[in-house]
C-alpha cells in the first residue's frame, strides 16, 4: 500500500518516478506474498531477498535445465489426482492466509519429479478487501479444473470454488470490508 501523497500523484500522472514506484511496489508485494506463503507451508520457491527489479528465490530445476510448467506435462490419472489434491491444499493455504493468486493456472505451476511449486504472485489479492475476490478465485479454480479435466480427472469448478471459499470463512456475495466504511474512505 502506497501512502505517500507525492508518490501516489506521480503514479497517477504516469511520470518516470511514478512508474518506478509502482514497479517497486509490485516487487515488494510479490516478495511479501512469497514469504507469507512459504512460512505457511505452501509449495512456493523459498524467497531470500528482493531488489528494485528482482526477487532472489530458490531455483527449481536441475543443473542444466529449469523445471517445466505444469501445462507442458501429461500426467497419468493417478498423478493427476495426487497433483490436483496438492494444488488444492495450496489453494486452501493461500485462503487461510488471506491470499488469492489471481492468475493461477497450469502455466504458473512448476513441475519437477512429481513435486509442484506455485509461482508468479504479483497480482495476488486479499479476499477480505477485494470486492471481486470470489470471481477472481473462481476463475483460478476454473483454469485448474480445465487443465486437470484434459488430463482425465473429473472436477466441477463451480462447486469446488464455492466449497473452498465457504470452508475458509468467506461469503460468496461481494461485501465491503469494514475498514472501507470508516469516515476517511467515504469520499472515495
Protein backbone atom coordinates (compact mmCIF):
# COMPACT_ATOMS: atom_id res chain seq x y z
CA UNK A 1 0.00 0.00 0.00
CA UNK A 2 1.42 3.37 -1.02
CA UNK A 3 0.55 6.18 1.40
CA UNK A 4 2.91 8.92 0.29
CA UNK A 5 0.83 11.59 -1.48
CA UNK A 6 3.70 12.61 -3.77
CA UNK A 7 4.29 9.04 -4.85
CA UNK A 8 0.57 8.49 -5.43
CA UNK A 9 0.38 11.67 -7.51
CA UNK A 10 3.42 10.58 -9.54
CA UNK A 11 1.80 7.20 -10.19
CA UNK A 12 -1.46 8.82 -11.28
CA UNK A 13 0.41 11.18 -13.60
CA UNK A 14 2.44 8.25 -15.00
CA UNK A 15 5.75 10.04 -14.51
CA UNK A 16 9.02 8.11 -14.69
CA UNK A 17 9.26 8.30 -10.91
CA UNK A 18 5.65 7.10 -10.59
CA UNK A 19 6.30 4.10 -12.83
CA UNK A 20 9.41 3.18 -10.79
CA UNK A 21 7.45 3.43 -7.53
CA UNK A 22 4.66 1.28 -8.93
CA UNK A 23 7.09 -1.35 -10.22
CA UNK A 24 8.96 -1.46 -6.91
CA UNK A 25 5.69 -1.82 -5.00
CA UNK A 26 4.73 -4.83 -7.16
CA UNK A 27 8.10 -6.47 -6.48
CA UNK A 28 7.63 -5.89 -2.74
CA UNK A 29 4.05 -7.19 -2.88
CA UNK A 30 5.12 -10.41 -4.62
CA UNK A 31 8.06 -10.87 -2.26
CA UNK A 32 5.90 -10.43 0.85
CA UNK A 33 3.32 -12.85 -0.58
CA UNK A 34 6.03 -15.46 -1.20
CA UNK A 35 7.42 -15.00 2.33
CA UNK A 36 3.96 -15.35 3.87
CA UNK A 37 3.05 -18.44 1.85
CA UNK A 38 6.43 -20.13 2.27
CA UNK A 39 6.22 -19.67 6.04
CA UNK A 40 2.68 -21.08 5.96
CA UNK A 41 3.92 -24.26 4.26
CA UNK A 42 2.77 -23.61 0.71
CA UNK A 43 4.64 -25.14 -2.19
CA UNK A 44 6.33 -21.96 -3.41
CA UNK A 45 10.02 -21.27 -4.07
CA UNK A 46 11.72 -20.03 -0.91
CA UNK A 47 12.32 -16.26 -1.23
CA UNK A 48 15.63 -14.89 0.02
CA UNK A 49 15.80 -11.23 -0.94
CA UNK A 50 14.39 -8.60 -3.26
CA UNK A 51 15.81 -5.61 -5.01
CA UNK A 52 14.44 -2.82 -7.14
CA UNK A 53 13.85 -5.11 -10.08
CA UNK A 54 14.03 -8.75 -8.96
CA UNK A 55 13.32 -11.36 -6.32
CA UNK A 56 16.01 -13.87 -5.35
CA UNK A 57 14.39 -17.23 -4.61
CA UNK A 58 15.06 -20.96 -4.83
CA UNK A 59 15.87 -22.24 -8.29
CA UNK A 60 13.50 -25.05 -9.28
CA UNK A 61 15.10 -27.41 -11.77
CA UNK A 62 18.21 -29.39 -12.44
CA UNK A 63 21.77 -28.21 -13.07
CA UNK A 64 21.25 -27.81 -16.79
CA UNK A 65 17.52 -27.26 -17.19
CA UNK A 66 14.76 -25.46 -15.29
CA UNK A 67 11.59 -27.24 -14.17
CA UNK A 68 8.76 -27.26 -16.69
CA UNK A 69 5.45 -25.54 -16.17
CA UNK A 70 2.61 -27.95 -15.50
CA UNK A 71 0.84 -27.04 -18.75
CA UNK A 72 3.63 -28.83 -20.68
CA UNK A 73 3.26 -32.09 -18.73
CA UNK A 74 0.99 -35.04 -19.50
CA UNK A 75 0.09 -36.84 -16.29
CA UNK A 76 -1.35 -40.28 -15.63
CA UNK A 77 -4.76 -40.30 -13.96
CA UNK A 78 -3.13 -41.27 -10.64
CA UNK A 79 -0.57 -38.45 -10.93
CA UNK A 80 -3.35 -36.06 -11.88
CA UNK A 81 -5.29 -36.86 -8.71
CA UNK A 82 -2.19 -36.51 -6.49
CA UNK A 83 -1.05 -33.24 -8.08
CA UNK A 84 -4.59 -31.81 -8.15
CA UNK A 85 -5.07 -32.60 -4.45
CA UNK A 86 -1.71 -30.98 -3.65
CA UNK A 87 -2.63 -27.84 -5.57
CA UNK A 88 -5.99 -27.62 -3.79
CA UNK A 89 -4.14 -27.95 -0.46
CA UNK A 90 -2.05 -24.95 -1.57
CA UNK A 91 -5.15 -23.00 -2.59
CA UNK A 92 -6.51 -23.56 0.93
CA UNK A 93 -3.21 -22.44 2.49
CA UNK A 94 -3.50 -19.26 0.43
CA UNK A 95 -7.09 -18.66 1.55
CA UNK A 96 -6.20 -19.24 5.20
CA UNK A 97 -3.52 -16.59 4.76
CA UNK A 98 -5.79 -14.05 3.05
CA UNK A 99 -4.47 -14.59 -0.47
CA UNK A 100 -5.98 -15.41 -3.83
CA UNK A 101 -3.39 -15.97 -6.56
CA UNK A 102 -5.29 -14.03 -9.19
CA UNK A 103 -3.73 -15.77 -12.19
CA UNK A 104 -3.43 -19.39 -11.12
CA UNK A 105 -3.32 -21.94 -13.91
CA UNK A 106 -1.09 -24.76 -15.12
CA UNK A 107 1.13 -22.02 -16.63
CA UNK A 108 2.04 -20.71 -13.15
CA UNK A 109 2.86 -24.05 -11.54
CA UNK A 110 6.29 -25.61 -11.91
CA UNK A 111 6.55 -29.41 -12.03
CA UNK A 112 9.71 -31.27 -11.06
CA UNK A 113 9.80 -35.03 -10.50
CA UNK A 114 6.30 -35.24 -9.05
CA UNK A 115 6.58 -32.04 -7.00
CA UNK A 116 4.83 -28.76 -7.70
CA UNK A 117 5.71 -25.12 -6.99
CA UNK A 118 3.28 -22.26 -7.40
CA UNK A 119 4.87 -19.14 -8.90
CA UNK A 120 4.07 -15.65 -10.19
CA UNK A 121 2.28 -13.75 -7.41
CA UNK A 122 2.45 -10.04 -8.30
CA UNK A 123 -1.33 -9.88 -8.81
CA UNK A 124 -2.25 -11.80 -5.62
CA UNK A 125 -5.11 -10.19 -3.72
CA UNK A 126 -6.51 -10.17 -0.21
CA UNK A 127 -10.01 -11.68 -0.42
CA UNK A 128 -11.14 -9.77 2.65
CA UNK A 129 -10.71 -6.39 0.96
CA UNK A 130 -11.20 -7.01 -2.77
CA UNK A 131 -14.89 -6.99 -3.71
CA UNK A 132 -14.17 -9.06 -6.81
CA UNK A 133 -12.17 -11.68 -4.94
CA UNK A 134 -14.65 -14.52 -5.35
CA UNK A 135 -14.92 -14.03 -9.12
CA UNK A 136 -11.12 -13.94 -9.38
CA UNK A 137 -10.82 -17.01 -7.16
CA UNK A 138 -13.43 -18.89 -9.19
CA UNK A 139 -11.52 -18.07 -12.40
CA UNK A 140 -8.35 -19.55 -10.84
CA UNK A 141 -10.17 -22.75 -9.83
CA UNK A 142 -11.84 -22.99 -13.24
CA UNK A 143 -8.48 -22.78 -15.03
CA UNK A 144 -7.07 -25.50 -12.80
CA UNK A 145 -10.07 -27.74 -13.40
CA UNK A 146 -9.81 -27.23 -17.17
CA UNK A 147 -6.22 -28.47 -17.16
CA UNK A 148 -6.99 -31.48 -14.97
CA UNK A 149 -10.14 -32.34 -16.92
CA UNK A 150 -7.92 -32.54 -20.02
CA UNK A 151 -5.74 -34.97 -18.03
CA UNK A 152 -8.81 -37.19 -17.42
CA UNK A 153 -9.79 -36.00 -13.95
CA UNK A 154 -13.40 -35.09 -13.20
CA UNK A 155 -13.95 -31.88 -11.26
CA UNK A 156 -16.67 -29.26 -11.01
CA UNK A 157 -15.07 -25.79 -10.78
CA UNK A 158 -18.23 -24.05 -9.59
CA UNK A 159 -18.89 -26.47 -6.73
CA UNK A 160 -15.20 -26.65 -5.81
CA UNK A 161 -14.81 -22.86 -5.76
CA UNK A 162 -17.87 -22.34 -3.63
CA UNK A 163 -16.96 -25.15 -1.24
CA UNK A 164 -13.39 -23.93 -0.68
CA UNK A 165 -14.49 -20.31 -0.38
CA UNK A 166 -17.16 -21.02 2.25
CA UNK A 167 -14.97 -23.55 4.09
CA UNK A 168 -12.43 -20.80 4.64
CA UNK A 169 -14.97 -18.35 6.04
CA UNK A 170 -15.69 -16.18 3.03
CA UNK A 171 -19.07 -15.10 1.70
CA UNK A 172 -19.72 -15.82 -1.98
CA UNK A 173 -21.53 -12.50 -2.37
CA UNK A 174 -19.30 -9.42 -2.57
CA UNK A 175 -19.18 -7.31 0.54
CA UNK A 176 -17.46 -4.14 1.62
CA UNK A 177 -14.61 -4.52 4.09
CA UNK A 178 -15.42 -2.70 7.37
CA UNK A 179 -12.29 -0.53 7.11
CA UNK A 180 -13.70 0.97 3.89
CA UNK A 181 -16.71 2.22 5.82
CA UNK A 182 -14.53 4.43 8.02
CA UNK A 183 -15.08 8.19 7.54
CA UNK A 184 -11.83 8.84 5.65
CA UNK A 185 -12.91 6.40 2.88
CA UNK A 186 -16.45 7.67 2.38
CA UNK A 187 -15.34 10.33 -0.13
CA UNK A 188 -13.51 7.75 -2.31
